[in-house]
Structure formats: C-alpha cells, structure tokens
Amino acid sequence: MKANNFRKILTVFYSVAMLLSITACTNVGYQLINNDEKLMSELQQNKPYVLGCGDAIKVTVWRHEEASTDAVIAPDGKISLPLIGEVSAAGLTVDELKNELNKRYREFINEPHVTVTVREINSLKIYVIGEVGRPGELKLNSTTDVLQAISLAGGFTMYANKTNIKIIRKEGDKKMKINFNYNEVVKGKNLAQNIPLKPGDVIVVSESW
C-alpha cells in the first residue's frame, strides 16, 4: 500500500514539474500573445488544411486510370505515384499539391488534369496537459478550437486554473505562447482568443494555486 502511494506521489511530482517547466521557465524565445486584437484576428483565420504525415489521399488523373492511385503520406513527407515517382506532399495544401502534380505529370501526359482528395486525416494531432480529465494526445478529424479541445480532453479538474491557460505553438523557427481565459470565453468576452488549433499545438492547463 505504501509503495502504491509513493508511486502516486512521484507521478504527481513529475507532472507538476513538467507543467512548471513549460509555463513558468520557458518564456525565453517565445512570442507571448495576450488579447492583441490584430494577432488574435490573424490566428482566427481559417486557412486551407495543410497535409501532414499519415494523411491518406486519392490522386486522380482524368482519363488516365494507370496514373491514378491512393497514397498515404510517409514519415518522410513524401508519396509515391505512378510515372512520376516520389513527390513531397507534407506541408502543402491540397491545391499546392495538385499544382505540383500537374507540373510533374506534364512530362508524361499532354495537358494533365489532376484532382487531389483527402480521404483520411491522421496528422491533425494536438496535446492537452495539466489539469484536465484525460490529458495526452488528441487525434482530430476536423478543425477544432481551444474550447472544443478542452471538452474532448474530459474538461477541467477541480484544481484547474481556468483563467491562465496557455497554447504553445511552433511554426518553423517561430514559437508562440497564446493566452486563453476560459471564464471570459464562456461569458462571451474576448471570443477571438478561442482560436482554431493546428497540428502540434499544446494546451497547458496549470493548477490554481
């Protein structure tokens, strides 16, 4: 019994230590965003979906069944297609990939007409840690905002600090910490902070002290 209690204490200790390291000691290098109307407006924009590793797509070349195929984006970000071989797909929108494939297929087909369809989204993963019912990885199938993600993670525990939630985001070399106040959003205030999430986002719900 004592051993089980000791393990529980260790688990809580390491969870709190990780949470503190993210929320308190890692501001260096991060752009902190807190109710900046212009920046929040930019983050609210629903941009085209960006393909990622694990996504399943269908490539159709009109009137050329031999060139049409299903493909899954590999861990290296590429797909392998008939005639043209490997093509980088991760990091591109559907339209960008379609344009690239049309360009590549012109070497083999006169005036190709390529259609790209997303069949299954597997790369849209975010993480919710801290004082929520089910912390960990969330695999999403569509655009999800902060409020929805917290709900999917089981909601708050009784110890959650609902007014100082952080969304940690990395885009290339740029790192951001975006503040989210749950109490304001559910009251209809500062709704712009309830931003759509991107793959790799981490929501940190700290403990209320």
N, C-alpha and C. Protein backbone atom coordinates (compact mmCIF):
# COMPACT_ATOMS: atom_id res chain seq x y z
N MET A 1 0.82 -1.21 0.00
CA MET A 1 0.00 0.00 0.00
C MET A 1 0.86 1.26 0.00
N LYS A 2 1.92 1.26 0.87
CA LYS A 2 2.81 2.41 0.93
C LYS A 2 3.54 2.61 -0.40
N ALA A 3 3.92 1.49 -1.02
CA ALA A 3 4.61 1.59 -2.31
C ALA A 3 3.71 2.22 -3.36
N ASN A 4 2.43 1.85 -3.38
CA ASN A 4 1.49 2.43 -4.34
C ASN A 4 1.31 3.91 -4.11
N ASN A 5 1.22 4.30 -2.82
CA ASN A 5 1.08 5.72 -2.51
C ASN A 5 2.31 6.50 -2.93
N PHE A 6 3.48 5.89 -2.75
CA PHE A 6 4.73 6.54 -3.12
C PHE A 6 4.79 6.77 -4.63
N ARG A 7 4.36 5.74 -5.40
CA ARG A 7 4.36 5.88 -6.86
C ARG A 7 3.40 6.98 -7.30
N LYS A 8 2.24 7.08 -6.63
CA LYS A 8 1.29 8.13 -6.98
C LYS A 8 1.87 9.51 -6.72
N ILE A 9 2.58 9.64 -5.58
CA ILE A 9 3.19 10.93 -5.25
C ILE A 9 4.24 11.30 -6.29
N LEU A 10 5.05 10.29 -6.71
CA LEU A 10 6.08 10.54 -7.72
C LEU A 10 5.45 10.99 -9.03
N THR A 11 4.33 10.34 -9.42
CA THR A 11 3.66 10.69 -10.66
C THR A 11 3.17 12.13 -10.63
N VAL A 12 2.55 12.51 -9.51
CA VAL A 12 2.07 13.88 -9.36
C VAL A 12 3.24 14.86 -9.39
N PHE A 13 4.34 14.50 -8.72
CA PHE A 13 5.51 15.37 -8.66
C PHE A 13 6.07 15.64 -10.06
N TYR A 14 6.24 14.57 -10.86
CA TYR A 14 6.80 14.75 -12.19
C TYR A 14 5.85 15.52 -13.10
N SER A 15 4.53 15.31 -12.94
CA SER A 15 3.56 16.05 -13.75
C SER A 15 3.62 17.53 -13.45
N VAL A 16 3.68 17.86 -12.16
CA VAL A 16 3.75 19.26 -11.76
C VAL A 16 5.06 19.88 -12.23
N ALA A 17 6.15 19.12 -12.12
CA ALA A 17 7.46 19.64 -12.55
C ALA A 17 7.45 19.94 -14.04
N MET A 18 6.87 19.06 -14.84
CA MET A 18 6.81 19.28 -16.29
C MET A 18 5.95 20.50 -16.60
N LEU A 19 4.84 20.63 -15.89
CA LEU A 19 3.93 21.74 -16.11
C LEU A 19 4.60 23.06 -15.79
N LEU A 20 5.32 23.10 -14.67
CA LEU A 20 6.01 24.32 -14.28
C LEU A 20 7.11 24.69 -15.26
N SER A 21 7.80 23.68 -15.77
CA SER A 21 8.89 23.96 -16.71
C SER A 21 8.38 24.57 -17.98
N ILE A 22 7.15 24.20 -18.37
CA ILE A 22 6.58 24.74 -19.60
C ILE A 22 5.99 26.13 -19.38
N THR A 23 5.27 26.29 -18.27
CA THR A 23 4.52 27.52 -18.07
C THR A 23 5.33 28.64 -17.45
N ALA A 24 6.32 28.31 -16.64
CA ALA A 24 7.00 29.35 -15.88
C ALA A 24 8.40 29.65 -16.35
N CYS A 25 9.10 28.65 -16.87
CA CYS A 25 10.54 28.82 -17.10
C CYS A 25 10.93 28.83 -18.56
N THR A 26 9.98 28.81 -19.47
CA THR A 26 10.35 28.69 -20.88
C THR A 26 9.84 29.86 -21.71
N ASN A 27 9.72 31.03 -21.11
CA ASN A 27 9.27 32.19 -21.87
C ASN A 27 10.32 32.68 -22.84
N VAL A 28 11.58 32.36 -22.60
CA VAL A 28 12.66 32.82 -23.46
C VAL A 28 12.47 32.26 -24.86
N GLY A 29 12.44 33.14 -25.86
CA GLY A 29 12.32 32.68 -27.24
C GLY A 29 10.89 32.57 -27.72
N TYR A 30 9.92 32.75 -26.82
CA TYR A 30 8.51 32.65 -27.20
C TYR A 30 7.91 34.04 -27.40
N GLN A 31 7.06 34.16 -28.41
CA GLN A 31 6.28 35.37 -28.58
C GLN A 31 5.02 35.20 -27.74
N LEU A 32 4.82 36.05 -26.75
CA LEU A 32 3.67 35.96 -25.87
C LEU A 32 2.52 36.76 -26.45
N ILE A 33 1.38 36.12 -26.61
CA ILE A 33 0.22 36.76 -27.22
C ILE A 33 -0.91 36.80 -26.21
N ASN A 34 -1.35 38.00 -25.86
CA ASN A 34 -2.37 38.15 -24.84
C ASN A 34 -3.31 39.29 -25.22
N ASN A 35 -4.46 38.91 -25.83
CA ASN A 35 -5.51 39.87 -26.18
C ASN A 35 -5.04 40.97 -27.14
N ASP A 36 -4.05 40.67 -27.98
CA ASP A 36 -3.65 41.58 -29.04
C ASP A 36 -4.64 41.38 -30.20
N GLU A 37 -5.49 42.37 -30.45
CA GLU A 37 -6.60 42.20 -31.40
C GLU A 37 -6.13 41.82 -32.79
N LYS A 38 -5.04 42.46 -33.26
CA LYS A 38 -4.55 42.18 -34.61
C LYS A 38 -4.03 40.75 -34.72
N LEU A 39 -3.19 40.34 -33.73
CA LEU A 39 -2.63 38.99 -33.77
C LEU A 39 -3.71 37.94 -33.58
N MET A 40 -4.64 38.19 -32.67
CA MET A 40 -5.73 37.24 -32.45
C MET A 40 -6.58 37.08 -33.71
N SER A 41 -6.79 38.18 -34.41
CA SER A 41 -7.57 38.13 -35.65
C SER A 41 -6.87 37.26 -36.69
N GLU A 42 -5.53 37.40 -36.77
CA GLU A 42 -4.77 36.57 -37.71
C GLU A 42 -4.85 35.09 -37.33
N LEU A 43 -4.79 34.79 -36.03
CA LEU A 43 -4.84 33.40 -35.58
C LEU A 43 -6.21 32.79 -35.79
N GLN A 44 -7.25 33.64 -35.87
CA GLN A 44 -8.62 33.16 -36.04
C GLN A 44 -8.91 32.74 -37.48
N GLN A 45 -8.09 33.19 -38.41
CA GLN A 45 -8.36 32.91 -39.82
C GLN A 45 -8.27 31.42 -40.11
N ASN A 46 -9.31 30.90 -40.75
CA ASN A 46 -9.33 29.50 -41.15
C ASN A 46 -8.57 29.35 -42.46
N LYS A 47 -7.33 28.94 -42.36
CA LYS A 47 -6.51 28.77 -43.54
C LYS A 47 -6.71 27.37 -44.12
N PRO A 48 -6.39 27.16 -45.40
CA PRO A 48 -6.55 25.84 -46.01
C PRO A 48 -5.79 24.77 -45.23
N TYR A 49 -6.37 23.57 -45.21
CA TYR A 49 -5.74 22.47 -44.48
C TYR A 49 -4.38 22.13 -45.10
N VAL A 50 -3.39 21.95 -44.24
CA VAL A 50 -2.05 21.60 -44.69
C VAL A 50 -1.84 20.10 -44.47
N LEU A 51 -1.47 19.40 -45.52
CA LEU A 51 -1.27 17.96 -45.46
C LEU A 51 -0.10 17.61 -44.55
N GLY A 52 -0.22 16.45 -43.88
CA GLY A 52 0.84 16.02 -42.99
C GLY A 52 1.08 14.53 -43.09
N CYS A 53 2.13 14.07 -42.44
CA CYS A 53 2.49 12.65 -42.48
C CYS A 53 1.35 11.80 -41.91
N GLY A 54 1.04 10.72 -42.62
CA GLY A 54 -0.03 9.83 -42.20
C GLY A 54 -1.36 10.09 -42.87
N ASP A 55 -1.52 11.26 -43.48
CA ASP A 55 -2.78 11.57 -44.18
C ASP A 55 -2.92 10.67 -45.40
N ALA A 56 -4.14 10.19 -45.62
CA ALA A 56 -4.43 9.36 -46.79
C ALA A 56 -5.13 10.20 -47.85
N ILE A 57 -4.62 10.16 -49.06
CA ILE A 57 -5.18 10.97 -50.15
C ILE A 57 -5.45 10.11 -51.38
N LYS A 58 -6.29 10.63 -52.25
CA LYS A 58 -6.56 9.98 -53.53
C LYS A 58 -6.14 10.94 -54.63
N VAL A 59 -5.30 10.45 -55.53
CA VAL A 59 -4.84 11.24 -56.67
C VAL A 59 -5.49 10.69 -57.93
N THR A 60 -6.26 11.54 -58.60
CA THR A 60 -6.96 11.12 -59.82
C THR A 60 -6.46 11.95 -60.99
N VAL A 61 -6.01 11.27 -62.03
CA VAL A 61 -5.59 11.93 -63.27
C VAL A 61 -6.66 11.63 -64.31
N TRP A 62 -7.36 12.65 -64.73
CA TRP A 62 -8.51 12.48 -65.62
C TRP A 62 -8.12 11.73 -66.90
N ARG A 63 -8.89 10.68 -67.18
CA ARG A 63 -8.72 9.83 -68.36
C ARG A 63 -7.42 9.03 -68.34
N HIS A 64 -6.80 8.93 -67.19
CA HIS A 64 -5.57 8.14 -67.07
C HIS A 64 -5.61 7.33 -65.78
N GLU A 65 -6.36 6.22 -65.84
CA GLU A 65 -6.51 5.39 -64.66
C GLU A 65 -5.17 4.80 -64.21
N GLU A 66 -4.29 4.57 -65.15
CA GLU A 66 -2.98 4.00 -64.80
C GLU A 66 -2.15 4.93 -63.94
N ALA A 67 -2.47 6.22 -63.97
CA ALA A 67 -1.72 7.19 -63.17
C ALA A 67 -2.46 7.57 -61.89
N SER A 68 -3.69 7.11 -61.76
CA SER A 68 -4.50 7.44 -60.57
C SER A 68 -4.26 6.40 -59.48
N THR A 69 -4.24 6.86 -58.23
CA THR A 69 -3.95 5.93 -57.14
C THR A 69 -4.30 6.53 -55.79
N ASP A 70 -4.39 5.67 -54.79
CA ASP A 70 -4.48 6.12 -53.39
C ASP A 70 -3.07 6.15 -52.82
N ALA A 71 -2.84 7.06 -51.89
CA ALA A 71 -1.50 7.17 -51.30
C ALA A 71 -1.60 7.65 -49.87
N VAL A 72 -0.65 7.22 -49.07
CA VAL A 72 -0.53 7.69 -47.69
C VAL A 72 0.80 8.42 -47.57
N ILE A 73 0.76 9.62 -47.00
CA ILE A 73 1.99 10.40 -46.87
C ILE A 73 2.90 9.74 -45.84
N ALA A 74 4.09 9.37 -46.29
CA ALA A 74 5.05 8.63 -45.46
C ALA A 74 5.67 9.53 -44.40
N PRO A 75 6.36 8.92 -43.42
CA PRO A 75 7.01 9.71 -42.37
C PRO A 75 8.01 10.74 -42.89
N ASP A 76 8.56 10.50 -44.08
CA ASP A 76 9.49 11.49 -44.65
C ASP A 76 8.77 12.60 -45.41
N GLY A 77 7.41 12.56 -45.38
CA GLY A 77 6.62 13.62 -46.01
C GLY A 77 6.33 13.42 -47.47
N LYS A 78 6.70 12.25 -48.02
CA LYS A 78 6.54 12.03 -49.46
C LYS A 78 5.47 10.99 -49.77
N ILE A 79 4.98 11.03 -51.01
CA ILE A 79 4.11 10.00 -51.56
C ILE A 79 4.78 9.44 -52.81
N SER A 80 4.44 8.22 -53.13
CA SER A 80 4.99 7.58 -54.33
C SER A 80 3.85 7.35 -55.32
N LEU A 81 4.01 7.89 -56.54
CA LEU A 81 2.95 7.85 -57.53
C LEU A 81 3.42 7.21 -58.83
N PRO A 82 2.49 6.60 -59.58
CA PRO A 82 2.85 6.02 -60.87
C PRO A 82 3.45 7.08 -61.81
N LEU A 83 4.36 6.68 -62.62
CA LEU A 83 5.02 7.51 -63.63
C LEU A 83 6.03 8.51 -63.05
N ILE A 84 5.63 9.25 -62.05
CA ILE A 84 6.49 10.35 -61.60
C ILE A 84 7.30 10.03 -60.34
N GLY A 85 6.99 8.92 -59.68
CA GLY A 85 7.77 8.51 -58.52
C GLY A 85 7.44 9.31 -57.26
N GLU A 86 8.46 9.64 -56.46
CA GLU A 86 8.26 10.29 -55.16
C GLU A 86 8.03 11.80 -55.32
N VAL A 87 7.06 12.28 -54.52
CA VAL A 87 6.73 13.70 -54.52
C VAL A 87 6.54 14.13 -53.07
N SER A 88 7.11 15.26 -52.70
CA SER A 88 6.92 15.80 -51.35
C SER A 88 5.51 16.35 -51.23
N ALA A 89 4.79 15.89 -50.18
CA ALA A 89 3.40 16.31 -50.01
C ALA A 89 3.15 16.99 -48.67
N ALA A 90 3.83 16.55 -47.62
CA ALA A 90 3.62 17.14 -46.30
C ALA A 90 4.02 18.60 -46.30
N GLY A 91 3.20 19.42 -45.69
CA GLY A 91 3.47 20.86 -45.65
C GLY A 91 2.80 21.64 -46.76
N LEU A 92 2.15 20.93 -47.69
CA LEU A 92 1.45 21.58 -48.79
C LEU A 92 -0.05 21.53 -48.57
N THR A 93 -0.77 22.51 -49.11
CA THR A 93 -2.22 22.42 -49.14
C THR A 93 -2.61 21.50 -50.30
N VAL A 94 -3.88 21.14 -50.36
CA VAL A 94 -4.36 20.29 -51.46
C VAL A 94 -4.14 20.97 -52.80
N ASP A 95 -4.42 22.26 -52.88
CA ASP A 95 -4.25 22.98 -54.15
C ASP A 95 -2.77 23.05 -54.54
N GLU A 96 -1.89 23.27 -53.55
CA GLU A 96 -0.46 23.32 -53.85
C GLU A 96 0.05 21.99 -54.37
N LEU A 97 -0.41 20.90 -53.76
CA LEU A 97 0.00 19.58 -54.22
C LEU A 97 -0.56 19.30 -55.61
N LYS A 98 -1.80 19.67 -55.85
CA LYS A 98 -2.41 19.48 -57.17
C LYS A 98 -1.61 20.21 -58.25
N ASN A 99 -1.21 21.44 -57.97
CA ASN A 99 -0.43 22.21 -58.94
C ASN A 99 0.93 21.56 -59.20
N GLU A 100 1.55 21.05 -58.14
CA GLU A 100 2.84 20.39 -58.29
C GLU A 100 2.71 19.12 -59.12
N LEU A 101 1.63 18.35 -58.89
CA LEU A 101 1.43 17.11 -59.65
C LEU A 101 1.12 17.39 -61.11
N ASN A 102 0.32 18.42 -61.38
CA ASN A 102 0.07 18.79 -62.78
C ASN A 102 1.37 19.12 -63.50
N LYS A 103 2.26 19.82 -62.80
CA LYS A 103 3.54 20.17 -63.38
C LYS A 103 4.39 18.92 -63.66
N ARG A 104 4.40 18.00 -62.70
CA ARG A 104 5.22 16.79 -62.85
C ARG A 104 4.67 15.86 -63.93
N TYR A 105 3.34 15.75 -64.01
CA TYR A 105 2.73 14.83 -64.98
C TYR A 105 2.83 15.36 -66.42
N ARG A 106 3.10 16.64 -66.60
CA ARG A 106 3.22 17.19 -67.96
C ARG A 106 4.38 16.55 -68.72
N GLU A 107 5.33 15.99 -67.98
CA GLU A 107 6.45 15.31 -68.63
C GLU A 107 6.02 14.01 -69.31
N PHE A 108 4.85 13.48 -68.90
CA PHE A 108 4.39 12.19 -69.40
C PHE A 108 3.02 12.25 -70.07
N ILE A 109 2.21 13.25 -69.70
CA ILE A 109 0.83 13.33 -70.19
C ILE A 109 0.58 14.73 -70.74
N ASN A 110 -0.06 14.79 -71.90
CA ASN A 110 -0.38 16.07 -72.51
C ASN A 110 -1.57 16.71 -71.78
N GLU A 111 -1.36 17.89 -71.25
CA GLU A 111 -2.38 18.64 -70.51
C GLU A 111 -3.07 17.79 -69.45
N PRO A 112 -2.36 17.35 -68.45
CA PRO A 112 -2.96 16.54 -67.39
C PRO A 112 -3.93 17.36 -66.54
N HIS A 113 -4.95 16.69 -66.04
CA HIS A 113 -5.90 17.33 -65.13
C HIS A 113 -5.94 16.48 -63.87
N VAL A 114 -5.30 16.95 -62.81
CA VAL A 114 -5.14 16.17 -61.58
C VAL A 114 -6.10 16.67 -60.51
N THR A 115 -6.72 15.74 -59.82
CA THR A 115 -7.56 16.05 -58.66
C THR A 115 -6.98 15.35 -57.44
N VAL A 116 -6.88 16.08 -56.33
CA VAL A 116 -6.38 15.50 -55.08
C VAL A 116 -7.49 15.60 -54.04
N THR A 117 -7.81 14.47 -53.43
CA THR A 117 -8.86 14.41 -52.42
C THR A 117 -8.29 13.83 -51.14
N VAL A 118 -8.58 14.47 -50.02
CA VAL A 118 -8.16 13.94 -48.72
C VAL A 118 -9.17 12.90 -48.27
N ARG A 119 -8.71 11.66 -48.11
CA ARG A 119 -9.61 10.58 -47.71
C ARG A 119 -9.63 10.37 -46.20
N GLU A 120 -8.51 10.61 -45.56
CA GLU A 120 -8.45 10.41 -44.12
C GLU A 120 -7.37 11.33 -43.53
N ILE A 121 -7.75 12.06 -42.48
CA ILE A 121 -6.80 12.94 -41.80
C ILE A 121 -6.22 12.21 -40.60
N ASN A 122 -4.91 12.04 -40.61
CA ASN A 122 -4.23 11.36 -39.49
C ASN A 122 -3.14 12.21 -38.86
N SER A 123 -2.87 13.36 -39.43
CA SER A 123 -1.76 14.18 -38.93
C SER A 123 -2.19 15.29 -37.99
N LEU A 124 -3.50 15.48 -37.85
CA LEU A 124 -4.00 16.57 -37.02
C LEU A 124 -4.06 16.12 -35.56
N LYS A 125 -2.91 16.22 -34.91
CA LYS A 125 -2.80 15.81 -33.50
C LYS A 125 -2.39 17.00 -32.65
N ILE A 126 -3.06 17.15 -31.53
CA ILE A 126 -2.70 18.18 -30.56
C ILE A 126 -2.52 17.50 -29.21
N TYR A 127 -2.07 18.28 -28.22
CA TYR A 127 -1.81 17.71 -26.91
C TYR A 127 -2.39 18.63 -25.84
N VAL A 128 -3.07 18.02 -24.86
CA VAL A 128 -3.61 18.76 -23.74
C VAL A 128 -3.00 18.18 -22.47
N ILE A 129 -2.31 19.02 -21.70
CA ILE A 129 -1.65 18.53 -20.49
C ILE A 129 -2.06 19.37 -19.29
N GLY A 130 -1.87 18.80 -18.12
CA GLY A 130 -2.19 19.51 -16.90
C GLY A 130 -3.52 19.09 -16.31
N GLU A 131 -4.27 20.07 -15.81
CA GLU A 131 -5.47 19.81 -15.03
C GLU A 131 -6.73 19.61 -15.89
N VAL A 132 -6.72 18.51 -16.65
CA VAL A 132 -7.89 18.10 -17.42
C VAL A 132 -8.18 16.64 -17.11
N GLY A 133 -9.39 16.20 -17.47
CA GLY A 133 -9.79 14.84 -17.13
C GLY A 133 -8.98 13.76 -17.81
N ARG A 134 -8.63 13.97 -19.09
CA ARG A 134 -7.88 12.97 -19.85
C ARG A 134 -6.72 13.64 -20.58
N PRO A 135 -5.65 13.97 -19.86
CA PRO A 135 -4.51 14.62 -20.51
C PRO A 135 -3.83 13.68 -21.51
N GLY A 136 -3.22 14.27 -22.52
CA GLY A 136 -2.50 13.46 -23.50
C GLY A 136 -2.76 13.93 -24.91
N GLU A 137 -2.54 13.02 -25.86
CA GLU A 137 -2.67 13.33 -27.28
C GLU A 137 -4.12 13.24 -27.72
N LEU A 138 -4.53 14.17 -28.56
CA LEU A 138 -5.86 14.14 -29.17
C LEU A 138 -5.71 14.09 -30.68
N LYS A 139 -6.30 13.10 -31.30
CA LYS A 139 -6.31 13.00 -32.75
C LYS A 139 -7.63 13.58 -33.25
N LEU A 140 -7.53 14.63 -34.05
CA LEU A 140 -8.71 15.34 -34.52
C LEU A 140 -9.01 15.00 -35.97
N ASN A 141 -10.28 15.12 -36.33
CA ASN A 141 -10.70 14.82 -37.70
C ASN A 141 -11.14 16.07 -38.45
N SER A 142 -11.22 17.17 -37.75
CA SER A 142 -11.63 18.42 -38.40
C SER A 142 -11.11 19.59 -37.57
N THR A 143 -11.33 20.79 -38.08
CA THR A 143 -10.87 21.99 -37.38
C THR A 143 -11.51 22.05 -35.99
N THR A 144 -10.69 22.26 -34.98
CA THR A 144 -11.15 22.26 -33.59
C THR A 144 -10.56 23.47 -32.88
N ASP A 145 -11.38 24.15 -32.07
CA ASP A 145 -10.87 25.30 -31.33
C ASP A 145 -10.49 24.89 -29.91
N VAL A 146 -9.99 25.84 -29.14
CA VAL A 146 -9.48 25.54 -27.80
C VAL A 146 -10.58 25.00 -26.89
N LEU A 147 -11.73 25.64 -26.93
CA LEU A 147 -12.84 25.22 -26.08
C LEU A 147 -13.26 23.78 -26.38
N GLN A 148 -13.33 23.45 -27.65
CA GLN A 148 -13.70 22.09 -28.05
C GLN A 148 -12.65 21.07 -27.62
N ALA A 149 -11.38 21.44 -27.73
CA ALA A 149 -10.30 20.53 -27.36
C ALA A 149 -10.32 20.22 -25.87
N ILE A 150 -10.58 21.23 -25.06
CA ILE A 150 -10.65 21.01 -23.61
C ILE A 150 -11.81 20.06 -23.28
N SER A 151 -12.91 20.23 -23.98
CA SER A 151 -14.04 19.32 -23.78
C SER A 151 -13.68 17.89 -24.17
N LEU A 152 -12.98 17.73 -25.31
CA LEU A 152 -12.57 16.40 -25.75
C LEU A 152 -11.59 15.75 -24.77
N ALA A 153 -10.85 16.58 -24.04
CA ALA A 153 -9.88 16.07 -23.07
C ALA A 153 -10.52 15.80 -21.71
N GLY A 154 -11.82 15.83 -21.65
CA GLY A 154 -12.52 15.48 -20.42
C GLY A 154 -12.85 16.64 -19.51
N GLY A 155 -12.66 17.88 -20.02
CA GLY A 155 -12.96 19.04 -19.19
C GLY A 155 -11.92 19.24 -18.10
N PHE A 156 -12.19 20.21 -17.25
CA PHE A 156 -11.23 20.57 -16.20
C PHE A 156 -11.36 19.68 -14.97
N THR A 157 -10.25 19.56 -14.24
CA THR A 157 -10.32 19.01 -12.89
C THR A 157 -10.71 20.15 -11.94
N MET A 158 -10.96 19.81 -10.70
CA MET A 158 -11.37 20.82 -9.73
C MET A 158 -10.23 21.77 -9.37
N TYR A 159 -9.00 21.41 -9.76
CA TYR A 159 -7.85 22.23 -9.41
C TYR A 159 -7.41 23.15 -10.55
N ALA A 160 -8.08 23.12 -11.67
CA ALA A 160 -7.62 23.84 -12.87
C ALA A 160 -7.70 25.35 -12.70
N ASN A 161 -6.68 26.03 -13.21
CA ASN A 161 -6.69 27.48 -13.32
C ASN A 161 -7.29 27.81 -14.69
N LYS A 162 -8.53 28.21 -14.71
CA LYS A 162 -9.25 28.40 -15.97
C LYS A 162 -8.98 29.75 -16.62
N THR A 163 -8.31 30.64 -15.88
CA THR A 163 -8.11 31.99 -16.40
C THR A 163 -6.74 32.20 -17.02
N ASN A 164 -5.85 31.23 -16.91
CA ASN A 164 -4.47 31.41 -17.38
C ASN A 164 -3.99 30.17 -18.13
N ILE A 165 -4.75 29.77 -19.13
CA ILE A 165 -4.41 28.61 -19.96
C ILE A 165 -3.47 29.08 -21.08
N LYS A 166 -2.51 28.24 -21.42
CA LYS A 166 -1.55 28.58 -22.47
C LYS A 166 -1.69 27.62 -23.65
N ILE A 167 -1.60 28.16 -24.87
CA ILE A 167 -1.48 27.34 -26.07
C ILE A 167 -0.08 27.58 -26.60
N ILE A 168 0.69 26.51 -26.66
CA ILE A 168 2.07 26.61 -27.15
C ILE A 168 2.09 26.15 -28.61
N ARG A 169 2.61 26.99 -29.46
CA ARG A 169 2.61 26.71 -30.90
C ARG A 169 3.98 26.99 -31.49
N LYS A 170 4.41 26.12 -32.40
CA LYS A 170 5.66 26.33 -33.11
C LYS A 170 5.39 26.30 -34.60
N GLU A 171 5.81 27.36 -35.27
CA GLU A 171 5.67 27.45 -36.73
C GLU A 171 7.03 27.78 -37.31
N GLY A 172 7.71 26.78 -37.84
CA GLY A 172 9.06 26.99 -38.33
C GLY A 172 9.98 27.34 -37.18
N ASP A 173 10.65 28.50 -37.28
CA ASP A 173 11.53 28.95 -36.21
C ASP A 173 10.81 29.82 -35.19
N LYS A 174 9.54 30.10 -35.44
CA LYS A 174 8.78 30.98 -34.55
C LYS A 174 8.03 30.17 -33.51
N LYS A 175 8.16 30.58 -32.24
CA LYS A 175 7.47 29.91 -31.15
C LYS A 175 6.55 30.91 -30.46
N MET A 176 5.32 30.48 -30.17
CA MET A 176 4.34 31.38 -29.57
C MET A 176 3.71 30.75 -28.34
N LYS A 177 3.38 31.61 -27.38
CA LYS A 177 2.55 31.23 -26.24
C LYS A 177 1.32 32.12 -26.28
N ILE A 178 0.18 31.51 -26.45
CA ILE A 178 -1.06 32.26 -26.62
C ILE A 178 -1.90 32.07 -25.36
N ASN A 179 -2.30 33.17 -24.75
CA ASN A 179 -3.11 33.10 -23.53
C ASN A 179 -4.57 32.83 -23.86
N PHE A 180 -5.21 32.03 -23.00
CA PHE A 180 -6.63 31.71 -23.18
C PHE A 180 -7.30 31.75 -21.82
N ASN A 181 -8.34 32.57 -21.72
CA ASN A 181 -9.10 32.71 -20.48
C ASN A 181 -10.47 32.07 -20.68
N TYR A 182 -10.62 30.87 -20.13
CA TYR A 182 -11.87 30.11 -20.29
C TYR A 182 -13.06 30.88 -19.74
N ASN A 183 -12.90 31.49 -18.58
CA ASN A 183 -14.02 32.18 -17.94
C ASN A 183 -14.54 33.32 -18.81
N GLU A 184 -13.64 34.00 -19.51
CA GLU A 184 -14.06 35.08 -20.39
C GLU A 184 -14.83 34.54 -21.59
N VAL A 185 -14.30 33.48 -22.20
CA VAL A 185 -14.90 32.95 -23.42
C VAL A 185 -16.31 32.42 -23.17
N VAL A 186 -16.52 31.69 -22.08
CA VAL A 186 -17.86 31.13 -21.82
C VAL A 186 -18.87 32.22 -21.46
N LYS A 187 -18.36 33.41 -21.11
CA LYS A 187 -19.24 34.54 -20.84
C LYS A 187 -19.43 35.41 -22.08
N GLY A 188 -18.83 34.98 -23.20
CA GLY A 188 -18.97 35.72 -24.45
C GLY A 188 -18.03 36.89 -24.60
N LYS A 189 -16.96 36.94 -23.78
CA LYS A 189 -16.00 38.03 -23.84
C LYS A 189 -14.72 37.59 -24.54
N ASN A 190 -14.10 38.49 -25.30
CA ASN A 190 -12.83 38.22 -25.97
C ASN A 190 -12.83 36.86 -26.69
N LEU A 191 -13.85 36.64 -27.50
CA LEU A 191 -14.01 35.35 -28.17
C LEU A 191 -12.90 35.04 -29.17
N ALA A 192 -12.17 36.07 -29.59
CA ALA A 192 -11.10 35.86 -30.57
C ALA A 192 -10.00 34.96 -30.04
N GLN A 193 -9.87 34.86 -28.71
CA GLN A 193 -8.82 34.02 -28.14
C GLN A 193 -9.12 32.53 -28.29
N ASN A 194 -10.36 32.19 -28.63
CA ASN A 194 -10.74 30.79 -28.84
C ASN A 194 -10.35 30.39 -30.27
N ILE A 195 -9.07 30.26 -30.49
CA ILE A 195 -8.52 30.11 -31.84
C ILE A 195 -8.64 28.67 -32.35
N PRO A 196 -8.70 28.49 -33.68
CA PRO A 196 -8.62 27.13 -34.24
C PRO A 196 -7.21 26.58 -34.01
N LEU A 197 -7.13 25.32 -33.65
CA LEU A 197 -5.83 24.71 -33.33
C LEU A 197 -5.16 24.14 -34.56
N LYS A 198 -3.83 24.03 -34.46
CA LYS A 198 -3.03 23.48 -35.55
C LYS A 198 -2.31 22.23 -35.06
N PRO A 199 -1.92 21.35 -36.00
CA PRO A 199 -1.18 20.15 -35.59
C PRO A 199 0.04 20.50 -34.76
N GLY A 200 0.22 19.79 -33.66
CA GLY A 200 1.37 20.02 -32.79
C GLY A 200 1.13 21.00 -31.67
N ASP A 201 -0.01 21.70 -31.68
CA ASP A 201 -0.32 22.64 -30.60
C ASP A 201 -0.39 21.91 -29.26
N VAL A 202 0.06 22.57 -28.21
CA VAL A 202 0.00 22.02 -26.85
C VAL A 202 -0.80 22.98 -25.99
N ILE A 203 -1.88 22.48 -25.39
CA ILE A 203 -2.68 23.27 -24.46
C ILE A 203 -2.24 22.92 -23.05
N VAL A 204 -1.84 23.92 -22.28
CA VAL A 204 -1.35 23.70 -20.92
C VAL A 204 -2.33 24.31 -19.94
N VAL A 205 -2.93 23.45 -19.13
CA VAL A 205 -3.86 23.90 -18.09
C VAL A 205 -3.15 23.74 -16.74
N SER A 206 -2.72 24.85 -16.17
CA SER A 206 -1.96 24.78 -14.93
C SER A 206 -2.90 24.64 -13.74
N GLU A 207 -2.31 24.36 -12.60
CA GLU A 207 -3.06 24.22 -11.37
C GLU A 207 -3.30 25.59 -10.75
N SER A 208 -4.47 25.77 -10.18
CA SER A 208 -4.80 27.01 -9.50
C SER A 208 -4.19 26.98 -8.10
N TRP A 209 -3.33 27.95 -7.83
CA TRP A 209 -2.61 27.94 -6.55
C TRP A 209 -3.34 28.81 -5.54
